[in-house]
């Protein structure tokens, strides 16, 4: 899968599941953090499609940050025994991990093309 496609899927996942979390957790503003990251990644997607290296690195950084940003909410959902919260955050994390794997593979492929 191409980086811009998985990034698009990840952004949409972060936005939709983040909004779901916002509504589900009594309109908690912290649930909007994945939404903000998703929107930024979505806006940068056209630069990814054009294979802009700077945009790619920014998107990878944002993707990496949101992965670590989702750890605490996952722990809270586990402690609170909120099954839907665990599922929702796990899906966002899985999508983010898949995006990072595709990015790393793409960077490796591009590096080996140069050599």
C-alpha atoms as a PDB file:
ATOM      1  CA  UNK A   1       0.000   0.000   0.000  1.00  0.00           C
ATOM      2  CA  UNK A   2       1.218   3.494  -0.794  1.00  0.00           C
ATOM      3  CA  UNK A   3       1.992   5.855   2.087  1.00  0.00           C
ATOM      4  CA  UNK A   4      -0.562   8.469   1.043  1.00  0.00           C
ATOM      5  CA  UNK A   5      -3.347   5.871   0.981  1.00  0.00           C
ATOM      6  CA  UNK A   6      -2.623   4.396   4.420  1.00  0.00           C
ATOM      7  CA  UNK A   7      -2.123   7.911   5.772  1.00  0.00           C
ATOM      8  CA  UNK A   8      -5.562   8.863   4.445  1.00  0.00           C
ATOM      9  CA  UNK A   9      -7.105   5.780   6.076  1.00  0.00           C
ATOM     10  CA  UNK A  10      -5.296   6.547   9.331  1.00  0.00           C
ATOM     11  CA  UNK A  11      -6.432  10.181   9.286  1.00  0.00           C
ATOM     12  CA  UNK A  12     -10.058   9.229   8.673  1.00  0.00           C
ATOM     13  CA  UNK A  13      -9.833   6.594  11.426  1.00  0.00           C
ATOM     14  CA  UNK A  14      -8.384   9.102  13.893  1.00  0.00           C
ATOM     15  CA  UNK A  15     -11.042  11.677  13.030  1.00  0.00           C
ATOM     16  CA  UNK A  16     -14.043   9.376  13.115  1.00  0.00           C
ATOM     17  CA  UNK A  17     -13.059   7.329  16.152  1.00  0.00           C
ATOM     18  CA  UNK A  18     -11.851  10.459  17.966  1.00  0.00           C
ATOM     19  CA  UNK A  19     -15.224  12.135  17.410  1.00  0.00           C
ATOM     20  CA  UNK A  20     -16.929   8.972  18.600  1.00  0.00           C
ATOM     21  CA  UNK A  21     -14.789   9.087  21.742  1.00  0.00           C
ATOM     22  CA  UNK A  22     -15.624  12.762  22.232  1.00  0.00           C
ATOM     23  CA  UNK A  23     -19.348  11.992  22.151  1.00  0.00           C
ATOM     24  CA  UNK A  24     -19.024   8.748  24.118  1.00  0.00           C
ATOM     25  CA  UNK A  25     -16.985  10.225  26.984  1.00  0.00           C
ATOM     26  CA  UNK A  26     -19.322  13.104  27.842  1.00  0.00           C
ATOM     27  CA  UNK A  27     -17.729  15.553  25.415  1.00  0.00           C
ATOM     28  CA  UNK A  28     -14.245  15.360  26.879  1.00  0.00           C
ATOM     29  CA  UNK A  29     -12.016  17.848  25.026  1.00  0.00           C
ATOM     30  CA  UNK A  30      -8.991  15.532  25.293  1.00  0.00           C
ATOM     31  CA  UNK A  31     -10.816  13.061  23.058  1.00  0.00           C
ATOM     32  CA  UNK A  32     -10.429  15.635  20.270  1.00  0.00           C
ATOM     33  CA  UNK A  33      -6.627  15.289  20.229  1.00  0.00           C
ATOM     34  CA  UNK A  34      -6.708  12.392  17.711  1.00  0.00           C
ATOM     35  CA  UNK A  35      -9.210  14.416  15.670  1.00  0.00           C
ATOM     36  CA  UNK A  36      -6.799  17.362  15.456  1.00  0.00           C
ATOM     37  CA  UNK A  37      -3.917  15.078  14.463  1.00  0.00           C
ATOM     38  CA  UNK A  38      -6.159  13.338  11.929  1.00  0.00           C
ATOM     39  CA  UNK A  39      -7.202  16.639  10.349  1.00  0.00           C
ATOM     40  CA  UNK A  40      -3.583  17.824  10.085  1.00  0.00           C
ATOM     41  CA  UNK A  41      -2.504  14.501   8.551  1.00  0.00           C
ATOM     42  CA  UNK A  42      -5.443  14.677   6.136  1.00  0.00           C
ATOM     43  CA  UNK A  43      -4.493  18.213   5.073  1.00  0.00           C
ATOM     44  CA  UNK A  44      -0.900  17.083   4.461  1.00  0.00           C
ATOM     45  CA  UNK A  45      -2.021  14.054   2.443  1.00  0.00           C
ATOM     46  CA  UNK A  46      -1.777  15.854  -0.906  1.00  0.00           C
ATOM     47  CA  UNK A  47       1.901  16.575  -0.199  1.00  0.00           C
ATOM     48  CA  UNK A  48       2.400  12.902   0.572  1.00  0.00           C
ATOM     49  CA  UNK A  49       0.787  11.971  -2.713  1.00  0.00           C
ATOM     50  CA  UNK A  50       3.246  14.263  -4.511  1.00  0.00           C
ATOM     51  CA  UNK A  51       6.061  12.491  -2.599  1.00  0.00           C
ATOM     52  CA  UNK A  52       7.227  15.652  -0.852  1.00  0.00           C
ATOM     53  CA  UNK A  53       9.962  14.497   1.537  1.00  0.00           C
ATOM     54  CA  UNK A  54       9.436  17.270   4.081  1.00  0.00           C
ATOM     55  CA  UNK A  55       5.692  16.583   4.258  1.00  0.00           C
ATOM     56  CA  UNK A  56       6.376  12.857   4.564  1.00  0.00           C
ATOM     57  CA  UNK A  57       8.665  13.428   7.531  1.00  0.00           C
ATOM     58  CA  UNK A  58       6.149  15.735   9.224  1.00  0.00           C
ATOM     59  CA  UNK A  59       3.366  13.175   8.730  1.00  0.00           C
ATOM     60  CA  UNK A  60       5.556  10.389  10.116  1.00  0.00           C
ATOM     61  CA  UNK A  61       6.394  12.542  13.146  1.00  0.00           C
ATOM     62  CA  UNK A  62       2.716  13.329  13.756  1.00  0.00           C
ATOM     63  CA  UNK A  63       1.802   9.669  13.306  1.00  0.00           C
ATOM     64  CA  UNK A  64       4.500   8.634  15.757  1.00  0.00           C
ATOM     65  CA  UNK A  65       3.381  11.256  18.299  1.00  0.00           C
ATOM     66  CA  UNK A  66      -0.275  10.233  18.143  1.00  0.00           C
ATOM     67  CA  UNK A  67       0.681   6.599  18.672  1.00  0.00           C
ATOM     68  CA  UNK A  68       2.352   7.490  21.959  1.00  0.00           C
ATOM     69  CA  UNK A  69      -0.424   9.950  22.760  1.00  0.00           C
ATOM     70  CA  UNK A  70      -2.970   7.141  22.598  1.00  0.00           C
ATOM     71  CA  UNK A  71      -1.196   4.995  25.212  1.00  0.00           C
ATOM     72  CA  UNK A  72      -2.483   6.939  28.236  1.00  0.00           C
ATOM     73  CA  UNK A  73      -6.126   6.959  27.073  1.00  0.00           C
ATOM     74  CA  UNK A  74      -5.858   3.217  26.432  1.00  0.00           C
ATOM     75  CA  UNK A  75      -4.559   2.648  29.962  1.00  0.00           C
ATOM     76  CA  UNK A  76      -7.395   4.788  31.356  1.00  0.00           C
ATOM     77  CA  UNK A  77      -9.958   2.844  29.340  1.00  0.00           C
ATOM     78  CA  UNK A  78      -8.501  -0.432  30.602  1.00  0.00           C
ATOM     79  CA  UNK A  79      -8.523   0.786  34.220  1.00  0.00           C
ATOM     80  CA  UNK A  80     -12.104   2.027  33.841  1.00  0.00           C
ATOM     81  CA  UNK A  81     -13.120  -1.271  32.249  1.00  0.00           C
ATOM     82  CA  UNK A  82     -14.644   0.602  29.286  1.00  0.00           C
ATOM     83  CA  UNK A  83     -14.798  -2.045  26.574  1.00  0.00           C
ATOM     84  CA  UNK A  84     -15.898   0.339  23.800  1.00  0.00           C
ATOM     85  CA  UNK A  85     -13.139   2.788  24.756  1.00  0.00           C
ATOM     86  CA  UNK A  86     -10.559   0.003  24.674  1.00  0.00           C
ATOM     87  CA  UNK A  87     -11.787  -1.138  21.258  1.00  0.00           C
ATOM     88  CA  UNK A  88     -11.949   2.398  19.846  1.00  0.00           C
ATOM     89  CA  UNK A  89      -8.461   3.379  21.020  1.00  0.00           C
ATOM     90  CA  UNK A  90      -7.000   0.010  19.990  1.00  0.00           C
ATOM     91  CA  UNK A  91      -8.356   0.471  16.465  1.00  0.00           C
ATOM     92  CA  UNK A  92      -6.820   3.957  16.274  1.00  0.00           C
ATOM     93  CA  UNK A  93      -3.505   2.570  17.525  1.00  0.00           C
ATOM     94  CA  UNK A  94      -3.604  -0.326  15.060  1.00  0.00           C
ATOM     95  CA  UNK A  95      -4.297   2.038  12.176  1.00  0.00           C
ATOM     96  CA  UNK A  96      -1.441   4.263  13.316  1.00  0.00           C
ATOM     97  CA  UNK A  97       0.986   1.338  13.658  1.00  0.00           C
ATOM     98  CA  UNK A  98       0.069   0.109  10.169  1.00  0.00           C
ATOM     99  CA  UNK A  99       0.699   3.595   8.790  1.00  0.00           C
ATOM    100  CA  UNK A 100       4.108   3.719  10.473  1.00  0.00           C
ATOM    101  CA  UNK A 101       5.031   0.296   9.066  1.00  0.00           C
ATOM    102  CA  UNK A 102       4.120   1.435   5.544  1.00  0.00           C
ATOM    103  CA  UNK A 103       6.106   4.653   6.001  1.00  0.00           C
ATOM    104  CA  UNK A 104       9.196   2.790   7.186  1.00  0.00           C
ATOM    105  CA  UNK A 105       8.953   0.323   4.288  1.00  0.00           C
ATOM    106  CA  UNK A 106       8.575   3.236   1.880  1.00  0.00           C
ATOM    107  CA  UNK A 107      11.606   5.027   3.328  1.00  0.00           C
ATOM    108  CA  UNK A 108      13.664   1.829   3.070  1.00  0.00           C
ATOM    109  CA  UNK A 109      12.536   1.263  -0.526  1.00  0.00           C
ATOM    110  CA  UNK A 110      13.383   4.835  -1.478  1.00  0.00           C
ATOM    111  CA  UNK A 111      16.783   4.556   0.186  1.00  0.00           C
ATOM    112  CA  UNK A 112      17.629   1.349  -1.664  1.00  0.00           C
ATOM    113  CA  UNK A 113      16.585   2.923  -4.975  1.00  0.00           C
ATOM    114  CA  UNK A 114      19.298   5.548  -4.470  1.00  0.00           C
ATOM    115  CA  UNK A 115      21.986   2.919  -3.881  1.00  0.00           C
END
